[in-house]
Amino acid sequence: MKIGLFFGSFNPIHIGHLVMANYMASYTDLDEVWIVVSPHNPLKDKNALVSVYDRLEMAKLATEQAPHLRVSDIEVHLPVPSYTIDTLTHLKERYPDKDFALIMGADNLQSFKKWKNYEQILNNYSIYVYPRPGADVSEWTVYPQIIMTQTPLMEISSTFIRKAFQKKQNIQFLVPENVLSFMESKNMYR
């Protein structure tokens, strides 16, 4: 079984994330996509994050009707900050029968050389890349393990959603209805 790992803060998860994950699970050779909620990305500001448990719950709510999408809390149980190579090593030990691949945006691929042990990732895992506006990844196209996809572009960001929600602007259809209800019930991002 080939599993695509889609790492992120998902602060909050939104339809752009879901469209991308669904595309990867439905239109590539991946059998499933695991949404890996990261407690803290070492390259991002920790102060803007709500609880990892709330982010996990939102991801579970968003994917409850999608059997080919699964939410993983693996990074909650690993040392912080989470480095992708450490998570991959842990997953491979825990699930030796599964073939793991990474899913990332072209913008992340641009900064991939800054990642801890990126060469080890590149040598041992396939990387499925979805397009991002303005991201030039031409230097990476020589690597056969990097698969460029035609995932639909969704210019929606969690930052935009948090700011709009904070200002009490309408974010209906940008996040699943059950996620929006959860955000309101917890008075998040306000």
N, C-alpha and C. Protein backbone atom coordinates (compact mmCIF):
# COMPACT_ATOMS: atom_id res chain seq x y z
N MET A 1 0.84 -1.18 0.00
CA MET A 1 0.00 0.00 0.00
C MET A 1 0.88 1.24 0.00
N LYS A 2 0.59 2.18 -0.90
CA LYS A 2 1.37 3.40 -1.01
C LYS A 2 0.60 4.55 -0.34
N ILE A 3 1.23 5.14 0.65
CA ILE A 3 0.62 6.19 1.46
C ILE A 3 1.30 7.52 1.20
N GLY A 4 0.52 8.53 0.83
CA GLY A 4 1.03 9.88 0.70
C GLY A 4 0.90 10.60 2.03
N LEU A 5 1.97 11.20 2.49
CA LEU A 5 1.97 11.93 3.75
C LEU A 5 1.90 13.43 3.46
N PHE A 6 0.82 14.04 3.89
CA PHE A 6 0.60 15.47 3.70
C PHE A 6 0.77 16.14 5.05
N PHE A 7 1.94 16.73 5.27
CA PHE A 7 2.28 17.38 6.53
C PHE A 7 1.79 18.82 6.54
N GLY A 8 1.40 19.29 7.72
CA GLY A 8 1.04 20.69 7.83
C GLY A 8 0.55 21.05 9.21
N SER A 9 0.39 22.34 9.42
CA SER A 9 -0.16 22.83 10.68
C SER A 9 -1.68 22.68 10.69
N PHE A 10 -2.29 22.85 9.52
CA PHE A 10 -3.75 22.75 9.38
C PHE A 10 -4.42 23.61 10.45
N ASN A 11 -4.14 24.90 10.37
CA ASN A 11 -4.51 25.86 11.41
C ASN A 11 -5.41 26.98 10.88
N PRO A 12 -6.64 26.68 10.41
CA PRO A 12 -7.35 25.40 10.40
C PRO A 12 -7.22 24.70 9.04
N ILE A 13 -7.66 23.45 9.00
CA ILE A 13 -7.77 22.74 7.73
C ILE A 13 -8.86 23.42 6.91
N HIS A 14 -8.68 23.49 5.59
CA HIS A 14 -9.68 24.15 4.75
C HIS A 14 -9.87 23.37 3.46
N ILE A 15 -10.77 23.85 2.62
CA ILE A 15 -11.10 23.08 1.42
C ILE A 15 -9.94 22.98 0.44
N GLY A 16 -9.03 23.92 0.46
CA GLY A 16 -7.84 23.81 -0.38
C GLY A 16 -7.02 22.58 -0.01
N HIS A 17 -6.83 22.37 1.30
CA HIS A 17 -6.13 21.17 1.77
C HIS A 17 -6.87 19.91 1.33
N LEU A 18 -8.19 19.94 1.48
CA LEU A 18 -8.99 18.75 1.20
C LEU A 18 -9.04 18.43 -0.29
N VAL A 19 -9.14 19.45 -1.13
CA VAL A 19 -9.12 19.23 -2.58
C VAL A 19 -7.79 18.62 -2.98
N MET A 20 -6.70 19.14 -2.43
CA MET A 20 -5.37 18.64 -2.77
C MET A 20 -5.20 17.20 -2.29
N ALA A 21 -5.58 16.90 -1.06
CA ALA A 21 -5.44 15.54 -0.52
C ALA A 21 -6.30 14.56 -1.33
N ASN A 22 -7.51 14.96 -1.64
CA ASN A 22 -8.41 14.11 -2.43
C ASN A 22 -7.83 13.87 -3.82
N TYR A 23 -7.29 14.91 -4.44
CA TYR A 23 -6.68 14.75 -5.77
C TYR A 23 -5.55 13.72 -5.71
N MET A 24 -4.68 13.86 -4.72
CA MET A 24 -3.53 12.95 -4.61
C MET A 24 -3.99 11.50 -4.41
N ALA A 25 -5.05 11.31 -3.62
CA ALA A 25 -5.55 9.95 -3.36
C ALA A 25 -6.33 9.39 -4.54
N SER A 26 -6.89 10.26 -5.37
CA SER A 26 -7.77 9.81 -6.45
C SER A 26 -7.13 9.81 -7.83
N TYR A 27 -6.15 10.66 -8.06
CA TYR A 27 -5.61 10.84 -9.42
C TYR A 27 -4.12 10.53 -9.55
N THR A 28 -3.53 9.94 -8.51
CA THR A 28 -2.15 9.48 -8.60
C THR A 28 -2.15 8.00 -8.21
N ASP A 29 -0.98 7.41 -8.11
CA ASP A 29 -0.91 6.01 -7.72
C ASP A 29 -0.90 5.80 -6.20
N LEU A 30 -1.18 6.86 -5.44
CA LEU A 30 -1.28 6.73 -3.99
C LEU A 30 -2.59 6.05 -3.62
N ASP A 31 -2.54 5.14 -2.66
CA ASP A 31 -3.75 4.44 -2.22
C ASP A 31 -4.51 5.23 -1.17
N GLU A 32 -3.78 5.94 -0.32
CA GLU A 32 -4.37 6.76 0.73
C GLU A 32 -3.50 7.99 0.93
N VAL A 33 -4.11 9.00 1.53
CA VAL A 33 -3.35 10.17 1.97
C VAL A 33 -3.58 10.31 3.47
N TRP A 34 -2.48 10.40 4.19
CA TRP A 34 -2.53 10.65 5.62
C TRP A 34 -2.22 12.12 5.86
N ILE A 35 -3.15 12.80 6.50
CA ILE A 35 -2.96 14.20 6.87
C ILE A 35 -2.24 14.19 8.22
N VAL A 36 -0.98 14.61 8.20
CA VAL A 36 -0.12 14.57 9.39
C VAL A 36 -0.11 15.97 10.01
N VAL A 37 -0.82 16.10 11.12
CA VAL A 37 -0.91 17.39 11.80
C VAL A 37 0.35 17.59 12.63
N SER A 38 1.09 18.63 12.29
CA SER A 38 2.37 18.91 12.97
C SER A 38 2.14 19.84 14.15
N PRO A 39 2.67 19.47 15.32
CA PRO A 39 2.54 20.37 16.48
C PRO A 39 3.18 21.72 16.21
N HIS A 40 4.39 21.70 15.59
CA HIS A 40 5.06 22.96 15.28
C HIS A 40 6.06 22.74 14.17
N ASN A 41 5.86 23.41 13.06
CA ASN A 41 6.80 23.39 11.95
C ASN A 41 7.98 24.28 12.34
N PRO A 42 9.21 23.76 12.31
CA PRO A 42 10.37 24.57 12.71
C PRO A 42 10.55 25.84 11.88
N LEU A 43 9.94 25.90 10.69
CA LEU A 43 10.09 27.07 9.84
C LEU A 43 8.94 28.07 9.97
N LYS A 44 8.01 27.83 10.93
CA LYS A 44 6.86 28.73 11.10
C LYS A 44 6.77 29.26 12.52
N ASP A 45 6.00 30.36 12.67
CA ASP A 45 5.80 31.01 13.96
C ASP A 45 4.84 30.17 14.82
N LYS A 46 5.30 29.79 16.00
CA LYS A 46 4.51 28.94 16.89
C LYS A 46 3.36 29.70 17.54
N ASN A 47 3.48 31.01 17.68
CA ASN A 47 2.49 31.80 18.42
C ASN A 47 1.11 31.84 17.75
N ALA A 48 1.06 31.64 16.45
CA ALA A 48 -0.23 31.72 15.74
C ALA A 48 -1.03 30.41 15.81
N LEU A 49 -0.45 29.37 16.40
CA LEU A 49 -1.10 28.06 16.41
C LEU A 49 -2.09 27.90 17.56
N VAL A 50 -3.25 27.29 17.25
CA VAL A 50 -4.14 26.85 18.31
C VAL A 50 -3.66 25.46 18.73
N SER A 51 -4.22 24.91 19.75
CA SER A 51 -3.83 23.60 20.27
C SER A 51 -3.77 22.55 19.17
N VAL A 52 -2.74 21.72 19.24
CA VAL A 52 -2.60 20.64 18.26
C VAL A 52 -3.80 19.69 18.33
N TYR A 53 -4.37 19.53 19.51
CA TYR A 53 -5.53 18.64 19.66
C TYR A 53 -6.77 19.22 18.99
N ASP A 54 -6.92 20.53 19.02
CA ASP A 54 -8.02 21.17 18.28
C ASP A 54 -7.80 21.05 16.78
N ARG A 55 -6.55 21.19 16.33
CA ARG A 55 -6.25 21.05 14.90
C ARG A 55 -6.46 19.61 14.43
N LEU A 56 -6.11 18.65 15.27
CA LEU A 56 -6.38 17.25 14.94
C LEU A 56 -7.88 17.00 14.84
N GLU A 57 -8.64 17.52 15.78
CA GLU A 57 -10.08 17.33 15.76
C GLU A 57 -10.71 17.95 14.51
N MET A 58 -10.26 19.14 14.14
CA MET A 58 -10.79 19.76 12.93
C MET A 58 -10.47 18.91 11.70
N ALA A 59 -9.25 18.37 11.64
CA ALA A 59 -8.87 17.53 10.51
C ALA A 59 -9.72 16.26 10.47
N LYS A 60 -9.98 15.67 11.63
CA LYS A 60 -10.83 14.47 11.68
C LYS A 60 -12.26 14.79 11.24
N LEU A 61 -12.78 15.90 11.69
CA LEU A 61 -14.13 16.31 11.27
C LEU A 61 -14.18 16.52 9.76
N ALA A 62 -13.16 17.16 9.22
CA ALA A 62 -13.14 17.48 7.79
C ALA A 62 -13.05 16.24 6.91
N THR A 63 -12.46 15.17 7.43
CA THR A 63 -12.22 13.98 6.60
C THR A 63 -13.12 12.80 6.95
N GLU A 64 -14.08 13.00 7.84
CA GLU A 64 -14.87 11.85 8.31
C GLU A 64 -15.66 11.16 7.21
N GLN A 65 -15.94 11.83 6.10
CA GLN A 65 -16.68 11.22 4.99
C GLN A 65 -15.75 10.78 3.85
N ALA A 66 -14.45 10.75 4.10
CA ALA A 66 -13.48 10.43 3.04
C ALA A 66 -12.63 9.23 3.48
N PRO A 67 -13.03 8.01 3.10
CA PRO A 67 -12.30 6.83 3.56
C PRO A 67 -10.86 6.73 3.05
N HIS A 68 -10.53 7.47 1.99
CA HIS A 68 -9.17 7.43 1.44
C HIS A 68 -8.26 8.49 2.06
N LEU A 69 -8.81 9.27 3.00
CA LEU A 69 -8.03 10.26 3.74
C LEU A 69 -8.05 9.87 5.21
N ARG A 70 -6.90 9.94 5.83
CA ARG A 70 -6.78 9.56 7.23
C ARG A 70 -5.99 10.65 7.95
N VAL A 71 -6.31 10.90 9.20
CA VAL A 71 -5.60 11.90 9.99
C VAL A 71 -4.62 11.18 10.90
N SER A 72 -3.38 11.65 10.92
CA SER A 72 -2.34 11.04 11.75
C SER A 72 -1.88 12.02 12.83
N ASP A 73 -1.77 11.50 14.05
CA ASP A 73 -1.25 12.30 15.17
C ASP A 73 0.18 11.89 15.51
N ILE A 74 0.86 11.23 14.59
CA ILE A 74 2.19 10.67 14.85
C ILE A 74 3.17 11.72 15.40
N GLU A 75 3.10 12.94 14.88
CA GLU A 75 4.07 13.95 15.32
C GLU A 75 3.79 14.48 16.72
N VAL A 76 2.58 14.25 17.23
CA VAL A 76 2.26 14.66 18.60
C VAL A 76 3.10 13.84 19.58
N HIS A 77 3.46 12.62 19.18
CA HIS A 77 4.18 11.71 20.05
C HIS A 77 5.69 11.73 19.84
N LEU A 78 6.16 12.61 18.98
CA LEU A 78 7.59 12.71 18.69
C LEU A 78 8.14 14.02 19.28
N PRO A 79 9.45 14.11 19.47
CA PRO A 79 10.03 15.35 20.01
C PRO A 79 9.73 16.56 19.11
N VAL A 80 9.57 17.71 19.76
CA VAL A 80 9.33 18.97 19.06
C VAL A 80 10.64 19.74 19.05
N PRO A 81 11.01 20.42 17.95
CA PRO A 81 10.24 20.53 16.71
C PRO A 81 10.29 19.24 15.90
N SER A 82 9.29 19.06 15.06
CA SER A 82 9.20 17.86 14.25
C SER A 82 9.99 18.05 12.96
N TYR A 83 10.84 17.12 12.70
CA TYR A 83 11.56 17.12 11.43
C TYR A 83 11.04 15.96 10.59
N THR A 84 10.76 16.23 9.34
CA THR A 84 10.15 15.24 8.46
C THR A 84 10.94 13.94 8.42
N ILE A 85 12.25 14.01 8.37
CA ILE A 85 13.06 12.80 8.29
C ILE A 85 12.85 11.92 9.52
N ASP A 86 12.70 12.52 10.69
CA ASP A 86 12.49 11.75 11.92
C ASP A 86 11.12 11.07 11.90
N THR A 87 10.12 11.80 11.42
CA THR A 87 8.77 11.23 11.32
C THR A 87 8.75 10.08 10.32
N LEU A 88 9.39 10.27 9.18
CA LEU A 88 9.46 9.21 8.17
C LEU A 88 10.14 7.96 8.72
N THR A 89 11.22 8.14 9.44
CA THR A 89 11.94 7.01 10.03
C THR A 89 11.05 6.27 11.03
N HIS A 90 10.36 7.03 11.86
CA HIS A 90 9.45 6.43 12.85
C HIS A 90 8.31 5.67 12.16
N LEU A 91 7.71 6.26 11.15
CA LEU A 91 6.61 5.61 10.44
C LEU A 91 7.06 4.32 9.76
N LYS A 92 8.24 4.35 9.16
CA LYS A 92 8.76 3.17 8.47
C LYS A 92 9.00 2.02 9.45
N GLU A 93 9.46 2.37 10.66
CA GLU A 93 9.66 1.34 11.69
C GLU A 93 8.32 0.80 12.17
N ARG A 94 7.34 1.68 12.31
CA ARG A 94 6.02 1.29 12.83
C ARG A 94 5.19 0.53 11.80
N TYR A 95 5.33 0.89 10.53
CA TYR A 95 4.55 0.28 9.45
C TYR A 95 5.49 -0.21 8.34
N PRO A 96 6.27 -1.25 8.59
CA PRO A 96 7.26 -1.69 7.61
C PRO A 96 6.65 -2.18 6.29
N ASP A 97 5.39 -2.55 6.30
CA ASP A 97 4.73 -3.05 5.08
C ASP A 97 4.19 -1.94 4.18
N LYS A 98 4.26 -0.69 4.63
CA LYS A 98 3.72 0.42 3.84
C LYS A 98 4.85 1.18 3.12
N ASP A 99 4.50 1.66 1.96
CA ASP A 99 5.42 2.46 1.14
C ASP A 99 5.00 3.92 1.28
N PHE A 100 5.81 4.72 1.96
CA PHE A 100 5.45 6.11 2.22
C PHE A 100 6.04 7.04 1.17
N ALA A 101 5.29 8.09 0.87
CA ALA A 101 5.73 9.14 -0.05
C ALA A 101 5.36 10.48 0.58
N LEU A 102 6.06 11.52 0.19
CA LEU A 102 5.75 12.86 0.69
C LEU A 102 4.87 13.60 -0.31
N ILE A 103 4.04 14.47 0.22
CA ILE A 103 3.25 15.39 -0.59
C ILE A 103 3.65 16.79 -0.14
N MET A 104 4.00 17.64 -1.09
CA MET A 104 4.36 19.01 -0.71
C MET A 104 4.03 19.98 -1.84
N GLY A 105 3.88 21.21 -1.46
CA GLY A 105 3.67 22.27 -2.45
C GLY A 105 4.97 22.66 -3.11
N ALA A 106 4.87 23.18 -4.31
CA ALA A 106 6.06 23.62 -5.04
C ALA A 106 6.83 24.67 -4.26
N ASP A 107 6.14 25.49 -3.46
CA ASP A 107 6.82 26.50 -2.64
C ASP A 107 7.72 25.84 -1.60
N ASN A 108 7.26 24.71 -1.02
CA ASN A 108 8.10 23.98 -0.07
C ASN A 108 9.28 23.30 -0.76
N LEU A 109 9.05 22.84 -1.98
CA LEU A 109 10.14 22.21 -2.73
C LEU A 109 11.26 23.22 -2.99
N GLN A 110 10.90 24.48 -3.20
CA GLN A 110 11.91 25.52 -3.41
C GLN A 110 12.88 25.62 -2.23
N SER A 111 12.36 25.41 -1.02
CA SER A 111 13.22 25.52 0.17
C SER A 111 13.62 24.15 0.73
N PHE A 112 13.43 23.10 -0.05
CA PHE A 112 13.68 21.74 0.40
C PHE A 112 15.12 21.51 0.87
N LYS A 113 16.07 22.20 0.27
CA LYS A 113 17.47 22.02 0.65
C LYS A 113 17.75 22.52 2.08
N LYS A 114 16.83 23.26 2.68
CA LYS A 114 16.97 23.74 4.06
C LYS A 114 16.50 22.68 5.07
N TRP A 115 15.81 21.65 4.58
CA TRP A 115 15.26 20.64 5.47
C TRP A 115 16.37 19.77 6.05
N LYS A 116 16.16 19.29 7.24
CA LYS A 116 17.10 18.38 7.89
C LYS A 116 17.19 17.10 7.05
N ASN A 117 18.41 16.73 6.67
CA ASN A 117 18.69 15.50 5.92
C ASN A 117 17.85 15.36 4.65
N TYR A 118 17.70 16.45 3.92
CA TYR A 118 16.86 16.40 2.72
C TYR A 118 17.35 15.38 1.71
N GLU A 119 18.68 15.16 1.66
CA GLU A 119 19.22 14.19 0.70
C GLU A 119 18.74 12.78 1.01
N GLN A 120 18.65 12.47 2.29
CA GLN A 120 18.16 11.15 2.71
C GLN A 120 16.69 10.96 2.30
N ILE A 121 15.90 12.01 2.45
CA ILE A 121 14.50 11.96 2.03
C ILE A 121 14.44 11.74 0.52
N LEU A 122 15.21 12.52 -0.21
CA LEU A 122 15.22 12.46 -1.67
C LEU A 122 15.65 11.08 -2.17
N ASN A 123 16.58 10.46 -1.49
CA ASN A 123 17.09 9.16 -1.92
C ASN A 123 16.17 7.99 -1.57
N ASN A 124 15.28 8.18 -0.61
CA ASN A 124 14.49 7.05 -0.12
C ASN A 124 12.98 7.16 -0.28
N TYR A 125 12.49 8.31 -0.73
CA TYR A 125 11.04 8.51 -0.81
C TYR A 125 10.66 9.23 -2.10
N SER A 126 9.49 8.89 -2.62
CA SER A 126 8.91 9.66 -3.72
C SER A 126 8.33 10.94 -3.13
N ILE A 127 8.32 11.99 -3.93
CA ILE A 127 7.77 13.26 -3.49
C ILE A 127 6.78 13.72 -4.55
N TYR A 128 5.52 13.87 -4.14
CA TYR A 128 4.46 14.33 -5.02
C TYR A 128 4.28 15.82 -4.77
N VAL A 129 4.44 16.60 -5.83
CA VAL A 129 4.45 18.06 -5.70
C VAL A 129 3.21 18.65 -6.37
N TYR A 130 2.51 19.50 -5.62
CA TYR A 130 1.38 20.22 -6.21
C TYR A 130 1.81 21.65 -6.51
N PRO A 131 1.26 22.23 -7.60
CA PRO A 131 1.70 23.57 -8.01
C PRO A 131 1.31 24.66 -7.00
N ARG A 132 2.14 25.68 -6.96
CA ARG A 132 1.85 26.88 -6.16
C ARG A 132 2.21 28.08 -7.04
N PRO A 133 1.41 29.13 -6.99
CA PRO A 133 1.67 30.30 -7.84
C PRO A 133 3.06 30.86 -7.62
N GLY A 134 3.78 31.09 -8.71
CA GLY A 134 5.08 31.73 -8.66
C GLY A 134 6.24 30.86 -8.21
N ALA A 135 5.99 29.59 -7.93
CA ALA A 135 7.07 28.72 -7.45
C ALA A 135 7.79 28.08 -8.64
N ASP A 136 9.07 28.36 -8.74
CA ASP A 136 9.88 27.78 -9.82
C ASP A 136 10.61 26.56 -9.26
N VAL A 137 10.26 25.39 -9.76
CA VAL A 137 10.87 24.15 -9.29
C VAL A 137 11.60 23.42 -10.41
N SER A 138 11.97 24.17 -11.44
CA SER A 138 12.60 23.56 -12.61
C SER A 138 13.89 22.80 -12.26
N GLU A 139 14.64 23.24 -11.25
CA GLU A 139 15.88 22.55 -10.88
C GLU A 139 15.61 21.14 -10.35
N TRP A 140 14.39 20.87 -9.91
CA TRP A 140 14.06 19.58 -9.31
C TRP A 140 13.50 18.57 -10.31
N THR A 141 13.19 19.00 -11.51
CA THR A 141 12.53 18.10 -12.47
C THR A 141 13.45 16.99 -12.98
N VAL A 142 14.73 17.06 -12.69
CA VAL A 142 15.67 16.02 -13.12
C VAL A 142 15.61 14.78 -12.24
N TYR A 143 14.95 14.88 -11.10
CA TYR A 143 14.87 13.76 -10.17
C TYR A 143 13.61 12.94 -10.47
N PRO A 144 13.79 11.65 -10.84
CA PRO A 144 12.63 10.84 -11.19
C PRO A 144 11.69 10.56 -10.00
N GLN A 145 12.20 10.67 -8.77
CA GLN A 145 11.36 10.42 -7.60
C GLN A 145 10.50 11.62 -7.22
N ILE A 146 10.69 12.74 -7.94
CA ILE A 146 9.84 13.92 -7.72
C ILE A 146 8.79 13.93 -8.82
N ILE A 147 7.53 13.79 -8.41
CA ILE A 147 6.41 13.69 -9.35
C ILE A 147 5.62 15.00 -9.30
N MET A 148 5.66 15.72 -10.39
CA MET A 148 4.88 16.96 -10.48
C MET A 148 3.45 16.59 -10.86
N THR A 149 2.50 17.11 -10.11
CA THR A 149 1.09 16.78 -10.36
C THR A 149 0.36 17.98 -10.94
N GLN A 150 -0.82 17.72 -11.43
CA GLN A 150 -1.68 18.76 -11.99
C GLN A 150 -2.82 19.10 -11.03
N THR A 151 -2.53 19.03 -9.75
CA THR A 151 -3.53 19.33 -8.73
C THR A 151 -4.11 20.73 -8.97
N PRO A 152 -5.44 20.88 -8.90
CA PRO A 152 -6.03 22.21 -9.09
C PRO A 152 -5.45 23.23 -8.10
N LEU A 153 -5.18 24.42 -8.60
CA LEU A 153 -4.68 25.50 -7.74
C LEU A 153 -5.82 26.06 -6.90
N MET A 154 -5.60 26.13 -5.61
CA MET A 154 -6.58 26.70 -4.69
C MET A 154 -5.87 27.78 -3.89
N GLU A 155 -6.14 29.02 -4.20
CA GLU A 155 -5.45 30.10 -3.49
C GLU A 155 -6.23 30.49 -2.23
N ILE A 156 -6.23 29.56 -1.29
CA ILE A 156 -6.86 29.77 0.01
C ILE A 156 -5.79 29.47 1.04
N SER A 157 -5.70 30.30 2.06
CA SER A 157 -4.71 30.03 3.09
C SER A 157 -5.38 30.00 4.46
N SER A 158 -4.77 29.26 5.36
CA SER A 158 -5.27 29.23 6.74
C SER A 158 -5.15 30.61 7.37
N THR A 159 -4.13 31.36 7.00
CA THR A 159 -3.96 32.72 7.52
C THR A 159 -5.15 33.59 7.13
N PHE A 160 -5.55 33.53 5.85
CA PHE A 160 -6.71 34.29 5.39
C PHE A 160 -7.95 33.90 6.19
N ILE A 161 -8.15 32.60 6.37
CA ILE A 161 -9.34 32.11 7.08
C ILE A 161 -9.33 32.58 8.53
N ARG A 162 -8.18 32.49 9.20
CA ARG A 162 -8.10 32.94 10.60
C ARG A 162 -8.42 34.42 10.71
N LYS A 163 -7.86 35.23 9.82
CA LYS A 163 -8.10 36.68 9.88
C LYS A 163 -9.56 37.01 9.60
N ALA A 164 -10.14 36.36 8.60
CA ALA A 164 -11.55 36.60 8.27
C ALA A 164 -12.45 36.17 9.42
N PHE A 165 -12.16 35.02 10.01
CA PHE A 165 -12.96 34.52 11.13
C PHE A 165 -12.86 35.45 12.33
N GLN A 166 -11.66 35.96 12.55
CA GLN A 166 -11.44 36.89 13.67
C GLN A 166 -12.27 38.17 13.49
N LYS A 167 -12.39 38.61 12.24
CA LYS A 167 -13.18 39.81 11.94
C LYS A 167 -14.66 39.51 11.76
N LYS A 168 -15.06 38.26 12.02
CA LYS A 168 -16.45 37.81 11.90
C LYS A 168 -16.97 37.93 10.47
N GLN A 169 -16.06 37.73 9.51
CA GLN A 169 -16.45 37.70 8.11
C GLN A 169 -16.86 36.28 7.74
N ASN A 170 -17.64 36.16 6.69
CA ASN A 170 -18.19 34.88 6.27
C ASN A 170 -17.10 33.99 5.65
N ILE A 171 -16.90 32.81 6.24
CA ILE A 171 -15.94 31.85 5.68
C ILE A 171 -16.65 30.56 5.26
N GLN A 172 -17.99 30.65 5.14
CA GLN A 172 -18.74 29.48 4.68
C GLN A 172 -18.17 29.01 3.35
N PHE A 173 -18.08 27.71 3.17
CA PHE A 173 -17.55 27.04 1.98
C PHE A 173 -16.01 27.05 1.91
N LEU A 174 -15.34 27.81 2.76
CA LEU A 174 -13.87 27.78 2.78
C LEU A 174 -13.36 26.69 3.71
N VAL A 175 -14.17 26.37 4.71
CA VAL A 175 -13.90 25.23 5.60
C VAL A 175 -15.18 24.39 5.63
N PRO A 176 -15.06 23.09 5.86
CA PRO A 176 -16.26 22.27 5.97
C PRO A 176 -17.18 22.79 7.08
N GLU A 177 -18.47 22.60 6.91
CA GLU A 177 -19.46 23.11 7.86
C GLU A 177 -19.20 22.62 9.29
N ASN A 178 -18.84 21.33 9.44
CA ASN A 178 -18.61 20.82 10.80
C ASN A 178 -17.34 21.42 11.43
N VAL A 179 -16.37 21.78 10.61
CA VAL A 179 -15.16 22.45 11.11
C VAL A 179 -15.51 23.88 11.54
N LEU A 180 -16.31 24.56 10.75
CA LEU A 180 -16.76 25.91 11.10
C LEU A 180 -17.53 25.88 12.43
N SER A 181 -18.41 24.92 12.60
CA SER A 181 -19.16 24.79 13.86
C SER A 181 -18.23 24.55 15.04
N PHE A 182 -17.21 23.72 14.83
CA PHE A 182 -16.23 23.46 15.89
C PHE A 182 -15.48 24.73 16.25
N MET A 183 -15.04 25.48 15.24
CA MET A 183 -14.32 26.73 15.47
C MET A 183 -15.19 27.71 16.27
N GLU A 184 -16.46 27.80 15.90
CA GLU A 184 -17.38 28.70 16.61
C GLU A 184 -17.61 28.24 18.04
N SER A 185 -17.78 26.94 18.23
CA SER A 185 -18.06 26.41 19.58
C SER A 185 -16.88 26.65 20.53
N LYS A 186 -15.66 26.67 20.00
CA LYS A 186 -14.46 26.88 20.83
C LYS A 186 -14.02 28.34 20.83
N ASN A 187 -14.74 29.19 20.08
CA ASN A 187 -14.40 30.60 19.96
C ASN A 187 -12.93 30.77 19.55
N MET A 188 -12.53 29.97 18.54
CA MET A 188 -11.14 29.97 18.11
C MET A 188 -10.80 31.20 17.28
N TYR A 189 -9.52 31.55 17.28
CA TYR A 189 -8.96 32.61 16.44
C TYR A 189 -9.57 33.97 16.72
N ARG A 190 -10.19 34.15 17.86
CA ARG A 190 -10.82 35.44 18.14
C ARG A 190 -10.18 36.10 19.35
